[in-house]
N, C-alpha and C. Protein backbone atom coordinates (compact mmCIF):
# COMPACT_ATOMS: atom_id res chain seq x y z
N MET A 1 22.22 45.50 -46.45
CA MET A 1 20.83 45.58 -46.85
C MET A 1 20.65 44.93 -48.22
N SER A 2 19.63 44.12 -48.36
CA SER A 2 19.36 43.42 -49.61
C SER A 2 18.54 44.31 -50.53
N VAL A 3 18.95 44.35 -51.78
CA VAL A 3 18.26 45.17 -52.77
C VAL A 3 17.22 44.33 -53.48
N THR A 4 16.00 44.87 -53.58
CA THR A 4 14.95 44.25 -54.38
C THR A 4 14.50 45.28 -55.41
N TYR A 5 13.69 44.87 -56.36
CA TYR A 5 13.39 45.71 -57.51
C TYR A 5 11.90 45.78 -57.80
N ILE A 6 11.51 46.87 -58.48
CA ILE A 6 10.15 47.06 -58.99
C ILE A 6 10.25 47.56 -60.42
N LEU A 7 9.19 47.32 -61.19
CA LEU A 7 9.12 47.92 -62.52
C LEU A 7 8.89 49.42 -62.37
N ASN A 8 9.49 50.18 -63.26
CA ASN A 8 9.23 51.61 -63.33
C ASN A 8 7.71 51.76 -63.55
N PRO A 9 7.05 52.67 -62.84
CA PRO A 9 5.61 52.84 -63.03
C PRO A 9 5.21 53.21 -64.45
N GLN A 10 6.15 53.73 -65.25
CA GLN A 10 5.86 54.10 -66.63
C GLN A 10 6.06 52.94 -67.60
N VAL A 11 6.26 51.73 -67.06
CA VAL A 11 6.51 50.56 -67.91
C VAL A 11 5.31 49.62 -67.87
N SER A 12 4.85 49.24 -69.04
CA SER A 12 3.79 48.25 -69.17
C SER A 12 4.42 46.93 -69.56
N LEU A 13 3.87 45.85 -69.03
CA LEU A 13 4.39 44.52 -69.31
C LEU A 13 3.27 43.67 -69.88
N ALA A 14 3.57 42.97 -70.96
CA ALA A 14 2.62 42.03 -71.55
C ALA A 14 3.30 40.69 -71.71
N GLU A 15 2.71 39.67 -71.11
CA GLU A 15 3.25 38.32 -71.24
C GLU A 15 2.94 37.79 -72.64
N THR A 16 3.90 37.09 -73.23
CA THR A 16 3.73 36.48 -74.55
C THR A 16 4.01 34.99 -74.45
N ASP A 17 3.80 34.27 -75.53
CA ASP A 17 4.11 32.84 -75.55
C ASP A 17 5.61 32.59 -75.36
N ASP A 18 6.43 33.55 -75.77
CA ASP A 18 7.88 33.38 -75.72
C ASP A 18 8.54 34.18 -74.60
N GLY A 19 7.78 34.74 -73.67
CA GLY A 19 8.36 35.51 -72.57
C GLY A 19 7.50 36.71 -72.25
N ALA A 20 8.02 37.91 -72.52
CA ALA A 20 7.28 39.13 -72.23
C ALA A 20 7.80 40.28 -73.08
N VAL A 21 6.95 41.29 -73.22
CA VAL A 21 7.33 42.53 -73.89
C VAL A 21 7.11 43.64 -72.89
N LEU A 22 8.09 44.53 -72.80
CA LEU A 22 8.01 45.69 -71.92
C LEU A 22 7.93 46.93 -72.79
N LEU A 23 7.06 47.85 -72.43
CA LEU A 23 6.93 49.12 -73.14
C LEU A 23 7.17 50.24 -72.14
N HIS A 24 8.17 51.06 -72.43
CA HIS A 24 8.40 52.26 -71.62
C HIS A 24 7.50 53.33 -72.22
N GLU A 25 6.44 53.68 -71.51
CA GLU A 25 5.42 54.56 -72.07
C GLU A 25 5.92 55.97 -72.33
N ARG A 26 6.90 56.45 -71.58
CA ARG A 26 7.43 57.80 -71.80
C ARG A 26 8.26 57.87 -73.08
N THR A 27 9.10 56.85 -73.30
CA THR A 27 9.99 56.88 -74.47
C THR A 27 9.38 56.20 -75.69
N GLY A 28 8.39 55.32 -75.47
CA GLY A 28 7.80 54.58 -76.58
C GLY A 28 8.64 53.40 -77.04
N ARG A 29 9.71 53.09 -76.30
CA ARG A 29 10.58 51.97 -76.69
C ARG A 29 10.07 50.65 -76.11
N TYR A 30 10.24 49.59 -76.90
CA TYR A 30 9.85 48.23 -76.50
C TYR A 30 11.09 47.40 -76.23
N TRP A 31 10.97 46.47 -75.31
CA TRP A 31 12.01 45.47 -75.05
C TRP A 31 11.32 44.13 -74.98
N GLN A 32 11.98 43.12 -75.48
CA GLN A 32 11.44 41.77 -75.45
C GLN A 32 12.34 40.90 -74.57
N LEU A 33 11.71 40.12 -73.69
CA LEU A 33 12.42 39.16 -72.85
C LEU A 33 12.00 37.75 -73.24
N ASN A 34 12.97 36.86 -73.34
CA ASN A 34 12.62 35.46 -73.57
C ASN A 34 12.07 34.87 -72.28
N THR A 35 11.68 33.61 -72.30
CA THR A 35 11.05 33.01 -71.12
C THR A 35 11.97 33.02 -69.90
N THR A 36 13.26 32.81 -70.12
CA THR A 36 14.21 32.83 -69.00
C THR A 36 14.33 34.24 -68.43
N GLY A 37 14.46 35.23 -69.28
CA GLY A 37 14.55 36.61 -68.82
C GLY A 37 13.29 37.04 -68.07
N PHE A 38 12.14 36.61 -68.57
CA PHE A 38 10.89 36.95 -67.91
C PHE A 38 10.78 36.26 -66.55
N SER A 39 11.24 35.03 -66.48
CA SER A 39 11.25 34.31 -65.20
C SER A 39 12.12 35.04 -64.18
N VAL A 40 13.27 35.50 -64.61
CA VAL A 40 14.16 36.26 -63.72
C VAL A 40 13.49 37.57 -63.31
N LEU A 41 12.88 38.27 -64.25
CA LEU A 41 12.20 39.51 -63.94
C LEU A 41 11.10 39.28 -62.90
N ARG A 42 10.33 38.23 -63.06
CA ARG A 42 9.28 37.91 -62.07
C ARG A 42 9.89 37.66 -60.70
N SER A 43 11.01 36.93 -60.66
CA SER A 43 11.67 36.68 -59.38
C SER A 43 12.11 37.98 -58.73
N LEU A 44 12.73 38.85 -59.52
CA LEU A 44 13.24 40.11 -59.00
C LEU A 44 12.13 41.04 -58.53
N THR A 45 11.01 41.08 -59.25
CA THR A 45 9.93 41.99 -58.89
C THR A 45 8.98 41.39 -57.86
N SER A 46 9.19 40.12 -57.51
CA SER A 46 8.36 39.51 -56.46
C SER A 46 9.05 39.57 -55.10
N GLY A 47 10.19 40.27 -55.05
CA GLY A 47 10.85 40.47 -53.77
C GLY A 47 12.15 39.71 -53.58
N GLN A 48 12.53 38.88 -54.55
CA GLN A 48 13.80 38.18 -54.42
C GLN A 48 14.96 39.14 -54.72
N THR A 49 16.05 38.96 -54.00
CA THR A 49 17.28 39.69 -54.31
C THR A 49 17.89 39.07 -55.55
N SER A 50 18.89 39.72 -56.11
CA SER A 50 19.55 39.14 -57.30
C SER A 50 20.21 37.81 -56.95
N GLU A 51 20.74 37.68 -55.74
CA GLU A 51 21.36 36.41 -55.33
C GLU A 51 20.32 35.31 -55.23
N GLU A 52 19.16 35.62 -54.65
CA GLU A 52 18.08 34.63 -54.56
C GLU A 52 17.57 34.25 -55.95
N ALA A 53 17.44 35.25 -56.82
CA ALA A 53 17.00 34.98 -58.19
C ALA A 53 18.02 34.11 -58.92
N ALA A 54 19.31 34.33 -58.66
CA ALA A 54 20.36 33.50 -59.27
C ALA A 54 20.26 32.05 -58.78
N GLN A 55 19.99 31.86 -57.52
CA GLN A 55 19.83 30.49 -57.00
C GLN A 55 18.63 29.81 -57.65
N THR A 56 17.54 30.56 -57.80
CA THR A 56 16.34 30.03 -58.46
C THR A 56 16.66 29.66 -59.91
N LEU A 57 17.31 30.57 -60.63
CA LEU A 57 17.66 30.33 -62.03
C LEU A 57 18.58 29.12 -62.17
N ALA A 58 19.59 29.04 -61.33
CA ALA A 58 20.54 27.92 -61.40
C ALA A 58 19.83 26.59 -61.20
N SER A 59 18.90 26.53 -60.27
CA SER A 59 18.20 25.27 -60.02
C SER A 59 17.20 24.94 -61.13
N GLN A 60 16.55 25.96 -61.69
CA GLN A 60 15.57 25.73 -62.76
C GLN A 60 16.22 25.33 -64.07
N ARG A 61 17.37 25.90 -64.37
CA ARG A 61 18.01 25.71 -65.68
C ARG A 61 19.23 24.80 -65.64
N SER A 62 19.53 24.26 -64.48
CA SER A 62 20.69 23.36 -64.32
C SER A 62 21.99 24.01 -64.83
N ILE A 63 22.22 25.24 -64.36
CA ILE A 63 23.46 25.93 -64.69
C ILE A 63 24.17 26.26 -63.38
N SER A 64 25.42 26.64 -63.47
CA SER A 64 26.17 26.96 -62.25
C SER A 64 25.64 28.26 -61.63
N ALA A 65 25.82 28.38 -60.34
CA ALA A 65 25.41 29.59 -59.63
C ALA A 65 26.19 30.80 -60.15
N THR A 66 27.45 30.59 -60.49
CA THR A 66 28.26 31.69 -61.01
C THR A 66 27.71 32.19 -62.34
N ARG A 67 27.37 31.28 -63.22
CA ARG A 67 26.79 31.68 -64.51
C ARG A 67 25.47 32.40 -64.31
N ALA A 68 24.64 31.88 -63.40
CA ALA A 68 23.35 32.52 -63.13
C ALA A 68 23.54 33.93 -62.59
N ARG A 69 24.48 34.12 -61.65
CA ARG A 69 24.75 35.45 -61.11
C ARG A 69 25.23 36.40 -62.19
N ASP A 70 26.13 35.91 -63.04
CA ASP A 70 26.66 36.75 -64.13
C ASP A 70 25.55 37.15 -65.11
N ASP A 71 24.72 36.18 -65.49
CA ASP A 71 23.63 36.46 -66.43
C ASP A 71 22.64 37.46 -65.84
N ILE A 72 22.32 37.30 -64.56
CA ILE A 72 21.37 38.21 -63.92
C ILE A 72 21.98 39.60 -63.79
N ALA A 73 23.26 39.68 -63.51
CA ALA A 73 23.92 41.00 -63.43
C ALA A 73 23.82 41.74 -64.76
N VAL A 74 24.01 41.03 -65.86
CA VAL A 74 23.91 41.65 -67.19
C VAL A 74 22.47 42.10 -67.45
N LEU A 75 21.51 41.23 -67.15
CA LEU A 75 20.10 41.58 -67.35
C LEU A 75 19.71 42.77 -66.49
N LEU A 76 20.09 42.75 -65.23
CA LEU A 76 19.79 43.86 -64.33
C LEU A 76 20.39 45.17 -64.84
N GLY A 77 21.62 45.11 -65.28
CA GLY A 77 22.27 46.30 -65.82
C GLY A 77 21.50 46.87 -67.00
N SER A 78 21.08 46.00 -67.89
CA SER A 78 20.33 46.44 -69.07
C SER A 78 18.98 47.03 -68.70
N LEU A 79 18.25 46.35 -67.82
CA LEU A 79 16.92 46.81 -67.43
C LEU A 79 16.98 48.13 -66.65
N CYS A 80 17.96 48.25 -65.78
CA CYS A 80 18.09 49.48 -64.99
C CYS A 80 18.58 50.64 -65.85
N SER A 81 19.53 50.40 -66.74
CA SER A 81 20.03 51.49 -67.57
C SER A 81 18.96 51.98 -68.56
N ALA A 82 18.03 51.11 -68.93
CA ALA A 82 16.94 51.51 -69.80
C ALA A 82 15.77 52.11 -69.01
N ASP A 83 15.93 52.23 -67.69
CA ASP A 83 14.92 52.78 -66.79
C ASP A 83 13.64 51.96 -66.79
N LEU A 84 13.79 50.65 -66.97
CA LEU A 84 12.63 49.76 -66.90
C LEU A 84 12.43 49.22 -65.49
N LEU A 85 13.52 49.07 -64.78
CA LEU A 85 13.52 48.46 -63.45
C LEU A 85 14.21 49.41 -62.50
N ARG A 86 13.69 49.49 -61.28
CA ARG A 86 14.27 50.38 -60.27
C ARG A 86 14.40 49.63 -58.95
N GLU A 87 15.32 50.10 -58.13
CA GLU A 87 15.43 49.53 -56.79
C GLU A 87 14.19 49.89 -56.00
N ARG A 88 13.71 48.90 -55.24
CA ARG A 88 12.55 49.11 -54.38
C ARG A 88 13.00 49.94 -53.18
N ARG A 89 12.25 50.92 -52.82
CA ARG A 89 12.59 51.77 -51.67
C ARG A 89 11.57 51.63 -50.57
């Protein structure tokens, strides 16, 4: 089964010139994503799996698929551990 993701309902997102800012309304903590991180977040929350998002990232940024998968795994880990992103059910 392929895993897809959604933003935690308690998270607000604001797009900026340099990417996006996420606010976890329960904790009051902010996170900032650069344009690449925001692009990946959009891919993940629009229904792409992490593998599909890695393929998109690799083609957009001219990097290897392995590097894209590794980078997305780190980003996913950070977003999920901060309770900003959750698996879609």
